N, C-alpha and C. Protein backbone atom coordinates (compact mmCIF):
# COMPACT_ATOMS: atom_id res chain seq x y z
N VAL A 1 0.94 -1.34 0.13
CA VAL A 1 -0.15 0.08 -0.05
C VAL A 1 1.01 1.40 0.11
N GLU A 2 0.74 2.00 -0.80
CA GLU A 2 1.45 3.29 -1.08
C GLU A 2 1.11 4.36 0.13
N ASP A 3 1.96 5.22 0.45
CA ASP A 3 1.74 6.27 1.37
C ASP A 3 1.03 7.30 0.92
N LEU A 4 -0.27 7.65 1.50
CA LEU A 4 -1.19 8.64 1.00
C LEU A 4 -0.74 9.88 0.87
N ALA A 5 0.41 10.57 1.41
CA ALA A 5 1.21 11.52 1.41
C ALA A 5 1.73 11.85 -0.15
N THR A 6 1.72 10.66 -0.84
CA THR A 6 2.27 10.74 -2.14
C THR A 6 1.40 10.98 -3.12
N PHE A 7 0.05 10.89 -2.68
CA PHE A 7 -1.08 11.33 -3.62
C PHE A 7 -1.32 12.65 -3.73
N ASP A 8 -1.87 13.33 -4.74
CA ASP A 8 -2.47 14.64 -4.89
C ASP A 8 -3.84 14.90 -3.91
N PRO A 9 -3.57 15.81 -3.25
CA PRO A 9 -4.57 16.20 -2.03
C PRO A 9 -5.68 16.22 -2.71
N GLN A 10 -5.86 16.80 -3.99
CA GLN A 10 -7.30 17.22 -4.79
C GLN A 10 -7.73 15.59 -5.08
N GLN A 11 -6.90 14.75 -5.63
CA GLN A 11 -7.53 13.46 -5.81
C GLN A 11 -8.10 12.56 -4.57
N ILE A 12 -7.28 12.86 -3.33
CA ILE A 12 -7.84 12.13 -2.13
C ILE A 12 -9.35 12.85 -1.72
N ILE A 13 -9.37 14.19 -1.90
CA ILE A 13 -10.82 14.74 -1.89
C ILE A 13 -11.99 14.24 -2.70
N ALA A 14 -11.58 14.22 -3.90
CA ALA A 14 -12.43 13.64 -4.95
C ALA A 14 -12.93 12.30 -4.53
N VAL A 15 -12.00 11.36 -4.18
CA VAL A 15 -12.31 10.17 -3.85
C VAL A 15 -13.33 9.93 -2.70
N ASP A 16 -12.81 10.78 -1.76
CA ASP A 16 -13.72 10.87 -0.49
C ASP A 16 -15.23 11.47 -0.80
N ALA A 17 -15.22 12.43 -1.67
CA ALA A 17 -16.46 12.82 -2.09
C ALA A 17 -17.53 12.04 -2.95
N ALA A 18 -16.62 11.32 -4.04
CA ALA A 18 -17.39 10.34 -4.58
C ALA A 18 -17.72 9.01 -3.62
N LEU A 19 -16.86 8.51 -2.65
CA LEU A 19 -17.35 7.59 -1.66
C LEU A 19 -18.36 8.04 -0.95
N ALA A 20 -18.66 9.33 -0.49
CA ALA A 20 -19.80 9.82 0.29
C ALA A 20 -21.02 9.94 -0.45
N ARG A 21 -20.94 10.21 -1.93
CA ARG A 21 -22.22 10.29 -2.78
C ARG A 21 -22.54 8.54 -2.84
N LEU A 22 -21.55 7.70 -3.05
CA LEU A 22 -22.03 6.46 -3.17
C LEU A 22 -22.65 5.82 -1.99
N GLU A 23 -22.15 6.42 -0.73
CA GLU A 23 -22.85 5.71 0.59
C GLU A 23 -24.27 6.63 0.49
N GLN A 24 -24.51 7.65 0.07
CA GLN A 24 -26.12 8.12 0.09
C GLN A 24 -26.88 7.19 -0.95
N ASP A 25 -26.36 6.63 -1.86
CA ASP A 25 -27.15 5.89 -2.77
C ASP A 25 -27.05 4.46 -2.68
N ASP A 26 -26.06 3.91 -1.91
CA ASP A 26 -25.99 2.37 -1.64
C ASP A 26 -25.09 2.44 -0.57
N PRO A 27 -25.70 2.48 0.93
CA PRO A 27 -24.71 2.22 1.78
C PRO A 27 -23.90 0.75 2.01
N GLU A 28 -24.71 0.08 1.46
CA GLU A 28 -23.94 -1.49 1.62
C GLU A 28 -22.69 -1.55 0.73
N ALA A 29 -22.99 -0.89 -0.73
CA ALA A 29 -21.81 -0.89 -1.56
C ALA A 29 -20.63 -0.14 -1.03
N ALA A 30 -21.07 1.15 -0.47
CA ALA A 30 -19.90 1.77 0.23
C ALA A 30 -19.13 1.05 1.36
N ALA A 31 -19.86 0.40 2.09
CA ALA A 31 -19.29 -0.51 3.36
C ALA A 31 -18.41 -1.57 2.75
N VAL A 32 -18.83 -2.08 1.46
CA VAL A 32 -17.85 -3.02 0.98
C VAL A 32 -16.57 -2.34 0.36
N VAL A 33 -16.62 -1.22 -0.20
CA VAL A 33 -15.48 -0.35 -0.57
C VAL A 33 -14.70 0.03 0.64
N ARG A 34 -15.35 0.35 1.51
CA ARG A 34 -14.42 0.67 2.93
C ARG A 34 -13.70 -0.48 3.34
N LEU A 35 -14.19 -1.51 3.55
CA LEU A 35 -13.72 -2.66 3.97
C LEU A 35 -12.68 -3.17 2.99
N ARG A 36 -13.03 -3.38 1.76
CA ARG A 36 -11.88 -3.66 0.71
C ARG A 36 -10.61 -2.69 0.65
N PHE A 37 -10.92 -1.19 0.75
CA PHE A 37 -9.87 -0.53 0.26
C PHE A 37 -9.04 0.14 1.71
N PHE A 38 -9.89 0.49 2.74
CA PHE A 38 -9.30 0.86 3.80
C PHE A 38 -8.68 -0.29 4.86
N ALA A 39 -9.63 -1.34 4.78
CA ALA A 39 -9.14 -2.55 5.90
C ALA A 39 -8.34 -3.56 5.11
N GLY A 40 -8.35 -3.57 3.88
CA GLY A 40 -7.61 -4.48 3.10
C GLY A 40 -8.40 -5.87 3.15
N LEU A 41 -9.60 -6.00 3.29
CA LEU A 41 -10.33 -7.33 3.37
C LEU A 41 -10.29 -7.92 1.77
N SER A 42 -10.67 -9.02 1.69
CA SER A 42 -10.85 -9.69 0.76
C SER A 42 -12.44 -9.60 0.58
N VAL A 43 -12.78 -9.97 -0.83
CA VAL A 43 -14.40 -10.04 -0.89
C VAL A 43 -15.11 -10.95 0.07
N GLU A 44 -14.48 -12.17 0.30
CA GLU A 44 -15.07 -13.24 1.05
C GLU A 44 -15.07 -12.72 2.65
N GLN A 45 -13.91 -11.85 3.08
CA GLN A 45 -13.86 -11.31 4.29
C GLN A 45 -14.89 -10.12 4.36
N ALA A 46 -14.94 -9.45 3.41
CA ALA A 46 -16.04 -8.32 3.66
C ALA A 46 -17.31 -8.82 3.64
N ALA A 47 -17.81 -9.83 2.99
CA ALA A 47 -18.96 -10.73 3.02
C ALA A 47 -19.33 -10.95 4.46
N GLN A 48 -18.42 -11.72 4.91
CA GLN A 48 -18.52 -12.34 6.33
C GLN A 48 -18.65 -11.26 7.24
N THR A 49 -18.00 -10.32 7.26
CA THR A 49 -18.02 -9.11 8.08
C THR A 49 -19.54 -8.37 7.90
N LEU A 50 -19.86 -8.16 6.81
CA LEU A 50 -21.13 -7.51 6.67
C LEU A 50 -22.55 -8.44 6.60
N SER A 51 -22.14 -9.85 7.01
CA SER A 51 -23.32 -10.87 7.00
C SER A 51 -24.06 -10.88 5.64
N ILE A 52 -23.21 -11.09 4.61
CA ILE A 52 -23.91 -11.06 3.26
C ILE A 52 -23.15 -12.32 2.52
N SER A 53 -23.72 -12.70 1.42
CA SER A 53 -23.04 -13.72 0.88
C SER A 53 -21.93 -13.31 0.04
N PRO A 54 -20.72 -13.92 -0.28
CA PRO A 54 -19.64 -13.65 -0.95
C PRO A 54 -20.16 -13.13 -2.50
N ARG A 55 -21.27 -13.79 -3.11
CA ARG A 55 -21.58 -13.32 -4.32
C ARG A 55 -22.26 -11.79 -4.36
N THR A 56 -22.94 -11.44 -3.23
CA THR A 56 -23.51 -10.46 -3.02
C THR A 56 -22.21 -9.23 -2.94
N ALA A 57 -21.41 -9.64 -2.07
CA ALA A 57 -20.17 -8.81 -1.76
C ALA A 57 -19.55 -8.57 -3.12
N ALA A 58 -19.40 -9.59 -3.90
CA ALA A 58 -18.67 -9.31 -5.17
C ALA A 58 -19.58 -8.38 -6.20
N ARG A 59 -20.73 -8.71 -6.11
CA ARG A 59 -21.79 -7.81 -6.95
C ARG A 59 -21.52 -6.32 -6.52
N LEU A 60 -21.74 -5.85 -5.23
CA LEU A 60 -21.59 -4.83 -4.81
C LEU A 60 -20.22 -4.23 -4.98
N TRP A 61 -19.17 -4.93 -4.88
CA TRP A 61 -17.85 -4.52 -5.22
C TRP A 61 -17.62 -3.93 -6.73
N THR A 62 -18.32 -4.95 -7.70
CA THR A 62 -18.17 -4.59 -9.02
C THR A 62 -19.25 -3.35 -9.36
N TYR A 63 -20.26 -3.33 -8.88
CA TYR A 63 -21.05 -1.99 -8.77
C TYR A 63 -20.41 -0.80 -8.18
N ALA A 64 -19.83 -0.86 -7.12
CA ALA A 64 -19.22 0.37 -6.41
C ALA A 64 -17.82 0.72 -7.09
N ARG A 65 -17.18 -0.28 -7.99
CA ARG A 65 -16.04 0.46 -8.60
C ARG A 65 -16.35 1.14 -9.56
N ALA A 66 -17.54 0.56 -10.43
CA ALA A 66 -18.07 1.35 -11.64
C ALA A 66 -18.68 2.60 -11.27
N ALA A 67 -19.49 2.72 -10.28
CA ALA A 67 -19.81 3.95 -9.77
C ALA A 67 -18.76 4.92 -9.17
N LEU A 68 -17.96 4.58 -8.59
CA LEU A 68 -16.75 5.57 -8.28
C LEU A 68 -15.98 5.96 -9.43
N TYR A 69 -15.98 4.92 -10.33
CA TYR A 69 -15.01 5.50 -11.65
C TYR A 69 -15.97 6.43 -12.32
N ARG A 70 -17.23 6.36 -12.38
CA ARG A 70 -18.01 7.18 -13.06
C ARG A 70 -18.13 8.41 -12.42
N SER A 71 -18.25 8.47 -11.24
CA SER A 71 -18.28 9.83 -10.44
C SER A 71 -17.00 10.46 -10.46
N LEU A 72 -15.64 9.76 -10.51
CA LEU A 72 -14.45 10.46 -10.60
C LEU A 72 -14.29 10.80 -11.91
N SER A 73 -14.70 10.23 -13.03
CA SER A 73 -14.57 10.87 -14.54
C SER A 73 -15.55 12.02 -14.47
N ASP A 74 -16.82 12.16 -14.11
CA ASP A 74 -17.52 13.18 -14.37
C ASP A 74 -16.94 14.49 -13.44
N SER A 75 -16.26 14.36 -12.41
CA SER A 75 -16.05 15.42 -11.57
C SER A 75 -14.37 16.33 -12.22
N ARG A 76 -14.01 15.59 -13.27
CA ARG A 76 -12.88 16.16 -14.11
C ARG A 76 -13.26 17.15 -14.87
């Protein structure tokens, strides 16, 4: 994992804003992102933590990545 200090602060702010928007639209998908990205959990571990099936966690992870990408692309 790279040190966050090496990233552009504007990018960090944009990712945080995109994640906040995702959390408003789909809190469960945002929870999967937080567990995967910040806690470093696998899809299976995130599923277990959230008491959902691994298939649901994988679907939410795929959806969340696409939503975040779209949100970050629109903000440029």
